Structure formats: structure tokens, C-alpha cells
PDB file of N, CA and C in Angstrom:
ATOM      1  N   UNK A   1      89.021  25.718-149.276  1.00  0.00           N
ATOM      2  CA  UNK A   1      89.514  26.396-150.165  1.00  0.00           C
ATOM      3  C   UNK A   1      88.747  27.144-151.131  1.00  0.00           C
ATOM      4  N   UNK A   2      87.674  26.355-151.615  1.00  0.00           N
ATOM      5  CA  UNK A   2      86.611  27.244-152.356  1.00  0.00           C
ATOM      6  C   UNK A   2      85.838  28.297-151.666  1.00  0.00           C
ATOM      7  N   UNK A   3      85.683  28.224-150.471  1.00  0.00           N
ATOM      8  CA  UNK A   3      84.950  29.140-149.771  1.00  0.00           C
ATOM      9  C   UNK A   3      85.841  30.453-149.570  1.00  0.00           C
ATOM     10  N   UNK A   4      87.058  30.539-149.777  1.00  0.00           N
ATOM     11  CA  UNK A   4      87.832  31.724-149.585  1.00  0.00           C
ATOM     12  C   UNK A   4      87.388  32.962-150.381  1.00  0.00           C
ATOM     13  N   UNK A   5      87.342  32.697-151.603  1.00  0.00           N
ATOM     14  CA  UNK A   5      86.700  33.944-152.503  1.00  0.00           C
ATOM     15  C   UNK A   5      85.307  34.272-152.027  1.00  0.00           C
ATOM     16  N   UNK A   6      84.455  33.654-151.571  1.00  0.00           N
ATOM     17  CA  UNK A   6      83.131  34.024-150.945  1.00  0.00           C
ATOM     18  C   UNK A   6      83.433  34.763-149.553  1.00  0.00           C
ATOM     19  N   UNK A   7      84.369  34.330-148.877  1.00  0.00           N
ATOM     20  CA  UNK A   7      84.678  35.066-147.621  1.00  0.00           C
ATOM     21  C   UNK A   7      85.177  36.386-147.982  1.00  0.00           C
ATOM     22  N   UNK A   8      86.212  36.571-148.859  1.00  0.00           N
ATOM     23  CA  UNK A   8      86.748  37.887-149.062  1.00  0.00           C
ATOM     24  C   UNK A   8      85.628  38.770-149.880  1.00  0.00           C
ATOM     25  N   UNK A   9      84.592  38.303-150.648  1.00  0.00           N
ATOM     26  CA  UNK A   9      83.638  39.164-151.209  1.00  0.00           C
ATOM     27  C   UNK A   9      82.974  39.578-150.071  1.00  0.00           C
ATOM     28  N   UNK A  10      82.406  38.655-149.147  1.00  0.00           N
ATOM     29  CA  UNK A  10      81.621  39.016-148.108  1.00  0.00           C
ATOM     30  C   UNK A  10      82.302  40.045-147.219  1.00  0.00           C
ATOM     31  N   UNK A  11      83.493  39.993-146.948  1.00  0.00           N
ATOM     32  CA  UNK A  11      84.222  41.027-146.228  1.00  0.00           C
ATOM     33  C   UNK A  11      84.375  42.208-146.822  1.00  0.00           C
ATOM     34  N   UNK A  12      84.704  42.348-148.117  1.00  0.00           N
ATOM     35  CA  UNK A  12      84.749  43.481-148.796  1.00  0.00           C
ATOM     36  C   UNK A  12      83.468  44.110-148.887  1.00  0.00           C
ATOM     37  N   UNK A  13      82.486  43.476-149.071  1.00  0.00           N
ATOM     38  CA  UNK A  13      80.863  43.973-149.240  1.00  0.00           C
ATOM     39  C   UNK A  13      80.539  44.773-147.910  1.00  0.00           C
ATOM     40  N   UNK A  14      80.944  44.015-146.690  1.00  0.00           N
ATOM     41  CA  UNK A  14      80.858  44.638-145.507  1.00  0.00           C
ATOM     42  C   UNK A  14      81.454  45.785-145.192  1.00  0.00           C
ATOM     43  N   UNK A  15      82.755  46.132-145.687  1.00  0.00           N
ATOM     44  CA  UNK A  15      83.544  47.320-145.605  1.00  0.00           C
ATOM     45  C   UNK A  15      82.801  48.399-146.306  1.00  0.00           C
ATOM     46  N   UNK A  16      82.484  47.996-147.528  1.00  0.00           N
ATOM     47  CA  UNK A  16      82.079  49.169-148.485  1.00  0.00           C
ATOM     48  C   UNK A  16      80.569  49.492-147.738  1.00  0.00           C
ATOM     49  N   UNK A  17      79.838  48.569-147.228  1.00  0.00           N
ATOM     50  CA  UNK A  17      78.566  49.026-146.739  1.00  0.00           C
ATOM     51  C   UNK A  17      78.463  49.761-145.372  1.00  0.00           C
ATOM     52  N   UNK A  18      79.627  49.667-144.755  1.00  0.00           N
ATOM     53  CA  UNK A  18      79.955  50.154-143.173  1.00  0.00           C
ATOM     54  C   UNK A  18      80.455  51.714-143.912  1.00  0.00           C
ATOM     55  N   UNK A  19      81.408  51.796-144.828  1.00  0.00           N
ATOM     56  CA  UNK A  19      81.703  53.015-145.180  1.00  0.00           C
ATOM     57  C   UNK A  19      80.634  54.020-145.715  1.00  0.00           C
ATOM     58  N   UNK A  20      79.796  53.383-146.495  1.00  0.00           N
ATOM     59  CA  UNK A  20      78.686  54.066-147.163  1.00  0.00           C
ATOM     60  C   UNK A  20      77.756  54.718-146.035  1.00  0.00           C
ATOM     61  N   UNK A  21      77.516  53.542-144.928  1.00  0.00           N
ATOM     62  CA  UNK A  21      76.633  53.937-143.886  1.00  0.00           C
ATOM     63  C   UNK A  21      77.069  55.146-143.089  1.00  0.00           C
ATOM     64  N   UNK A  22      78.379  54.887-142.852  1.00  0.00           N
ATOM     65  CA  UNK A  22      78.977  56.185-141.988  1.00  0.00           C
ATOM     66  C   UNK A  22      79.006  57.489-142.838  1.00  0.00           C
ATOM     67  N   UNK A  23      79.117  57.556-143.814  1.00  0.00           N
ATOM     68  CA  UNK A  23      79.441  58.607-144.733  1.00  0.00           C
ATOM     69  C   UNK A  23      77.964  59.502-144.806  1.00  0.00           C
ATOM     70  N   UNK A  24      77.050  58.760-144.998  1.00  0.00           N
ATOM     71  CA  UNK A  24      75.690  59.151-145.019  1.00  0.00           C
ATOM     72  C   UNK A  24      75.114  59.532-143.875  1.00  0.00           C
ATOM     73  N   UNK A  25      75.646  58.975-142.627  1.00  0.00           N
ATOM     74  CA  UNK A  25      75.140  59.608-141.455  1.00  0.00           C
ATOM     75  C   UNK A  25      76.050  60.996-141.205  1.00  0.00           C
ATOM     76  N   UNK A  26      77.178  61.025-141.605  1.00  0.00           N
ATOM     77  CA  UNK A  26      77.986  62.074-140.924  1.00  0.00           C
ATOM     78  C   UNK A  26      77.776  63.275-142.116  1.00  0.00           C
ATOM     79  N   UNK A  27      77.358  63.127-143.152  1.00  0.00           N
ATOM     80  CA  UNK A  27      77.182  64.258-144.228  1.00  0.00           C
ATOM     81  C   UNK A  27      75.671  64.749-143.862  1.00  0.00           C
ATOM     82  N   UNK A  28      74.839  64.047-143.399  1.00  0.00           N
ATOM     83  CA  UNK A  28      73.460  64.422-143.177  1.00  0.00           C
ATOM     84  C   UNK A  28      72.765  64.417-141.870  1.00  0.00           C
ATOM     85  N   UNK A  29      73.506  65.482-141.123  1.00  0.00           N
ATOM     86  CA  UNK A  29      73.340  65.832-139.745  1.00  0.00           C
ATOM     87  C   UNK A  29      72.144  66.788-139.844  1.00  0.00           C
ATOM     88  N   UNK A  30      70.879  66.084-140.035  1.00  0.00           N
ATOM     89  CA  UNK A  30      69.637  66.964-139.885  1.00  0.00           C
ATOM     90  C   UNK A  30      68.694  66.082-139.533  1.00  0.00           C
ATOM     91  N   UNK A  31      67.764  66.540-139.006  1.00  0.00           N
ATOM     92  CA  UNK A  31      66.422  66.000-138.586  1.00  0.00           C
ATOM     93  C   UNK A  31      65.997  64.953-139.643  1.00  0.00           C
ATOM     94  N   UNK A  32      65.693  63.633-139.427  1.00  0.00           N
ATOM     95  CA  UNK A  32      65.263  62.664-140.471  1.00  0.00           C
ATOM     96  C   UNK A  32      63.853  62.889-141.059  1.00  0.00           C
ATOM     97  N   UNK A  33      62.925  63.776-140.410  1.00  0.00           N
ATOM     98  CA  UNK A  33      61.729  64.160-141.089  1.00  0.00           C
ATOM     99  C   UNK A  33      61.940  65.265-141.860  1.00  0.00           C
ATOM    100  N   UNK A  34      62.998  65.965-141.904  1.00  0.00           N
ATOM    101  CA  UNK A  34      63.174  67.162-142.924  1.00  0.00           C
ATOM    102  C   UNK A  34      63.872  66.586-144.044  1.00  0.00           C
ATOM    103  N   UNK A  35      63.120  66.825-145.392  1.00  0.00           N
ATOM    104  CA  UNK A  35      63.684  66.457-146.573  1.00  0.00           C
ATOM    105  C   UNK A  35      65.041  67.131-146.551  1.00  0.00           C
ATOM    106  N   UNK A  36      66.003  66.574-147.572  1.00  0.00           N
ATOM    107  CA  UNK A  36      67.299  67.177-147.903  1.00  0.00           C
ATOM    108  C   UNK A  36      67.147  68.523-148.581  1.00  0.00           C
ATOM    109  N   UNK A  37      66.255  68.619-149.407  1.00  0.00           N
ATOM    110  CA  UNK A  37      66.149  69.831-150.294  1.00  0.00           C
ATOM    111  C   UNK A  37      65.250  70.952-149.712  1.00  0.00           C
ATOM    112  N   UNK A  38      64.701  70.548-148.591  1.00  0.00           N
ATOM    113  CA  UNK A  38      63.803  71.689-148.003  1.00  0.00           C
ATOM    114  C   UNK A  38      64.396  72.988-147.906  1.00  0.00           C
ATOM    115  N   UNK A  39      63.754  74.174-148.274  1.00  0.00           N
ATOM    116  CA  UNK A  39      64.497  75.480-148.079  1.00  0.00           C
ATOM    117  C   UNK A  39      64.668  75.837-146.577  1.00  0.00           C
ATOM    118  N   UNK A  40      65.660  76.452-146.411  1.00  0.00           N
ATOM    119  CA  UNK A  40      66.193  76.811-144.955  1.00  0.00           C
ATOM    120  C   UNK A  40      65.233  78.093-144.583  1.00  0.00           C
ATOM    121  N   UNK A  41      64.976  78.043-143.082  1.00  0.00           N
ATOM    122  CA  UNK A  41      64.366  79.167-142.475  1.00  0.00           C
ATOM    123  C   UNK A  41      64.913  80.476-142.579  1.00  0.00           C
ATOM    124  N   UNK A  42      64.395  81.420-142.936  1.00  0.00           N
ATOM    125  CA  UNK A  42      65.190  82.804-142.626  1.00  0.00           C
ATOM    126  C   UNK A  42      65.348  83.085-141.251  1.00  0.00           C
ATOM    127  N   UNK A  43      66.155  83.941-140.953  1.00  0.00           N
ATOM    128  CA  UNK A  43      66.397  84.316-139.391  1.00  0.00           C
ATOM    129  C   UNK A  43      65.050  85.019-139.073  1.00  0.00           C
ATOM    130  N   UNK A  44      64.169  85.616-139.837  1.00  0.00           N
ATOM    131  CA  UNK A  44      63.112  86.185-139.176  1.00  0.00           C
ATOM    132  C   UNK A  44      62.119  85.149-139.129  1.00  0.00           C
ATOM    133  N   UNK A  45      62.178  84.380-140.021  1.00  0.00           N
ATOM    134  CA  UNK A  45      61.075  83.022-139.812  1.00  0.00           C
ATOM    135  C   UNK A  45      61.421  82.200-138.379  1.00  0.00           C
ATOM    136  N   UNK A  46      62.726  82.196-138.150  1.00  0.00           N
ATOM    137  CA  UNK A  46      63.120  81.389-136.959  1.00  0.00           C
ATOM    138  C   UNK A  46      62.679  82.317-135.802  1.00  0.00           C
ATOM    139  N   UNK A  47      62.977  83.576-135.804  1.00  0.00           N
ATOM    140  CA  UNK A  47      62.553  84.443-134.706  1.00  0.00           C
ATOM    141  C   UNK A  47      61.065  84.371-134.625  1.00  0.00           C
ATOM    142  N   UNK A  48      60.256  84.443-135.716  1.00  0.00           N
ATOM    143  CA  UNK A  48      58.807  84.403-135.430  1.00  0.00           C
ATOM    144  C   UNK A  48      58.526  83.200-134.693  1.00  0.00           C
ATOM    145  N   UNK A  49      59.083  82.084-135.185  1.00  0.00           N
ATOM    146  CA  UNK A  49      58.600  80.830-134.693  1.00  0.00           C
ATOM    147  C   UNK A  49      58.928  80.718-133.059  1.00  0.00           C
ATOM    148  N   UNK A  50      60.156  81.092-132.714  1.00  0.00           N
ATOM    149  CA  UNK A  50      60.447  81.092-131.204  1.00  0.00           C
ATOM    150  C   UNK A  50      59.686  82.182-130.508  1.00  0.00           C
ATOM    151  N   UNK A  51      58.974  83.191-130.958  1.00  0.00           N
ATOM    152  CA  UNK A  51      58.280  84.071-130.317  1.00  0.00           C
ATOM    153  C   UNK A  51      56.792  83.297-130.258  1.00  0.00           C
ATOM    154  N   UNK A  52      56.419  82.913-131.383  1.00  0.00           N
ATOM    155  CA  UNK A  52      54.946  82.169-131.340  1.00  0.00           C
ATOM    156  C   UNK A  52      55.129  81.034-130.319  1.00  0.00           C
ATOM    157  N   UNK A  53      56.143  80.330-130.150  1.00  0.00           N
ATOM    158  CA  UNK A  53      56.164  79.133-129.227  1.00  0.00           C
ATOM    159  C   UNK A  53      56.582  79.532-127.801  1.00  0.00           C
ATOM    160  N   UNK A  54      56.736  80.773-127.460  1.00  0.00           N
ATOM    161  CA  UNK A  54      57.121  81.420-126.166  1.00  0.00           C
ATOM    162  C   UNK A  54      58.342  81.333-125.697  1.00  0.00           C
ATOM    163  N   UNK A  55      59.392  80.758-126.599  1.00  0.00           N
ATOM    164  CA  UNK A  55      60.773  80.899-126.269  1.00  0.00           C
ATOM    165  C   UNK A  55      61.291  82.001-125.856  1.00  0.00           C
ATOM    166  N   UNK A  56      60.805  83.105-126.480  1.00  0.00           N
ATOM    167  CA  UNK A  56      61.328  84.506-126.161  1.00  0.00           C
ATOM    168  C   UNK A  56      60.280  85.143-125.955  1.00  0.00           C
ATOM    169  N   UNK A  57      60.355  86.577-125.179  1.00  0.00           N
ATOM    170  CA  UNK A  57      59.170  87.429-124.695  1.00  0.00           C
ATOM    171  C   UNK A  57      59.233  88.603-125.918  1.00  0.00           C
ATOM    172  N   UNK A  58      58.089  89.300-125.781  1.00  0.00           N
ATOM    173  CA  UNK A  58      57.861  90.614-126.684  1.00  0.00           C
ATOM    174  C   UNK A  58      59.229  91.616-126.919  1.00  0.00           C
ATOM    175  N   UNK A  59      59.735  91.652-125.773  1.00  0.00           N
ATOM    176  CA  UNK A  59      60.857  92.700-125.695  1.00  0.00           C
ATOM    177  C   UNK A  59      62.058  92.265-126.590  1.00  0.00           C
ATOM    178  N   UNK A  60      62.368  90.877-126.137  1.00  0.00           N
ATOM    179  CA  UNK A  60      63.602  90.338-126.894  1.00  0.00           C
ATOM    180  C   UNK A  60      63.216  90.011-128.554  1.00  0.00           C
ATOM    181  N   UNK A  61      61.924  89.792-128.602  1.00  0.00           N
ATOM    182  CA  UNK A  61      61.430  89.636-130.128  1.00  0.00           C
ATOM    183  C   UNK A  61      61.639  91.020-130.857  1.00  0.00           C
ATOM    184  N   UNK A  62      61.262  92.080-130.183  1.00  0.00           N
ATOM    185  CA  UNK A  62      61.394  93.310-130.972  1.00  0.00           C
ATOM    186  C   UNK A  62      62.863  93.855-131.063  1.00  0.00           C
ATOM    187  N   UNK A  63      63.564  93.615-129.931  1.00  0.00           N
ATOM    188  CA  UNK A  63      65.333  93.852-130.126  1.00  0.00           C
ATOM    189  C   UNK A  63      65.660  93.023-131.232  1.00  0.00           C
ATOM    190  N   UNK A  64      65.426  91.934-131.356  1.00  0.00           N
ATOM    191  CA  UNK A  64      66.007  90.940-132.318  1.00  0.00           C
ATOM    192  C   UNK A  64      65.532  91.347-133.774  1.00  0.00           C
ATOM    193  N   UNK A  65      64.440  91.925-133.824  1.00  0.00           N
ATOM    194  CA  UNK A  65      63.962  92.348-135.174  1.00  0.00           C
ATOM    195  C   UNK A  65      64.590  93.679-135.595  1.00  0.00           C
ATOM    196  N   UNK A  66      64.769  94.135-134.597  1.00  0.00           N
ATOM    197  CA  UNK A  66      65.511  95.646-134.991  1.00  0.00           C
ATOM    198  C   UNK A  66      67.131  95.232-135.616  1.00  0.00           C
ATOM    199  N   UNK A  67      67.629  94.161-134.660  1.00  0.00           N
ATOM    200  CA  UNK A  67      68.989  93.993-135.077  1.00  0.00           C
ATOM    201  C   UNK A  67      69.059  93.424-136.595  1.00  0.00           C
ATOM    202  N   UNK A  68      68.093  92.524-136.765  1.00  0.00           N
ATOM    203  CA  UNK A  68      68.093  91.912-138.030  1.00  0.00           C
ATOM    204  C   UNK A  68      67.831  92.778-139.194  1.00  0.00           C
ATOM    205  N   UNK A  69      66.977  93.875-138.960  1.00  0.00           N
ATOM    206  CA  UNK A  69      66.568  94.995-139.907  1.00  0.00           C
ATOM    207  C   UNK A  69      67.909  95.801-140.391  1.00  0.00           C
ATOM    208  N   UNK A  70      68.873  95.796-139.222  1.00  0.00           N
ATOM    209  CA  UNK A  70      70.084  96.783-139.548  1.00  0.00           C
ATOM    210  C   UNK A  70      71.038  96.023-140.114  1.00  0.00           C
ATOM    211  N   UNK A  71      71.089  94.576-140.116  1.00  0.00           N
ATOM    212  CA  UNK A  71      72.085  93.856-140.641  1.00  0.00           C
ATOM    213  C   UNK A  71      71.672  93.245-142.074  1.00  0.00           C
ATOM    214  N   UNK A  72      70.383  93.515-142.414  1.00  0.00           N
ATOM    215  CA  UNK A  72      69.653  93.004-143.680  1.00  0.00           C
ATOM    216  C   UNK A  72      70.293  93.797-144.751  1.00  0.00           C
ATOM    217  N   UNK A  73      70.824  93.217-145.884  1.00  0.00           N
ATOM    218  CA  UNK A  73      71.010  94.021-147.000  1.00  0.00           C
ATOM    219  C   UNK A  73      69.859  94.609-147.573  1.00  0.00           C
ATOM    220  N   UNK A  74      69.709  95.845-147.935  1.00  0.00           N
ATOM    221  CA  UNK A  74      68.496  96.300-148.605  1.00  0.00           C
ATOM    222  C   UNK A  74      68.619  96.455-150.096  1.00  0.00           C
ATOM    223  N   UNK A  75      67.681  96.845-150.834  1.00  0.00           N
ATOM    224  CA  UNK A  75      67.598  96.943-152.386  1.00  0.00           C
ATOM    225  C   UNK A  75      68.787  97.748-152.774  1.00  0.00           C
ATOM    226  N   UNK A  76      69.590  97.781-153.868  1.00  0.00           N
ATOM    227  CA  UNK A  76      70.759  98.496-154.238  1.00  0.00           C
ATOM    228  C   UNK A  76      70.246  99.154-155.540  1.00  0.00           C
TER     229      UNK A  76
END
């Protein structure tokens, strides 16, 4: 009888821990090595990185740069 409150406290604590753990995982779907407040890469930076790593060739790089320049808002 005396163990019943301890059992309930343990079960409630376990439930709270599980909910906290699940919400932290689903809210932060990013690489664990990347800090949460790290600045996001611009499209140009992503394109430069992909070209430098060899994911895309020079023709695709040039075409993508042109498209980005057209859609990028200029100074007003």
C-alpha cells in the first residue's frame, strides 16, 4: 500500500520523460552536429558547395546561377 504513490510518481515521471523526448526529436529534425541557431545556407551557397563537391557540372552550375539571379529580388 505504501509503494502505490511511489509507483504512480514513477509512471507519471516516465510518461513526462517520454513525451519530452519525442517532442524534442520531432521538433529538431536536423543534423545533430549543426547547432540549432546556425545561419541557414543561401541558395547560392548551396549551389557553390554542390559544384565544388562535384555533384553538378559547370553547365548545370551556370544555368542554376542564372535562374537564381532572375528570381532574386534586387535593391528597391
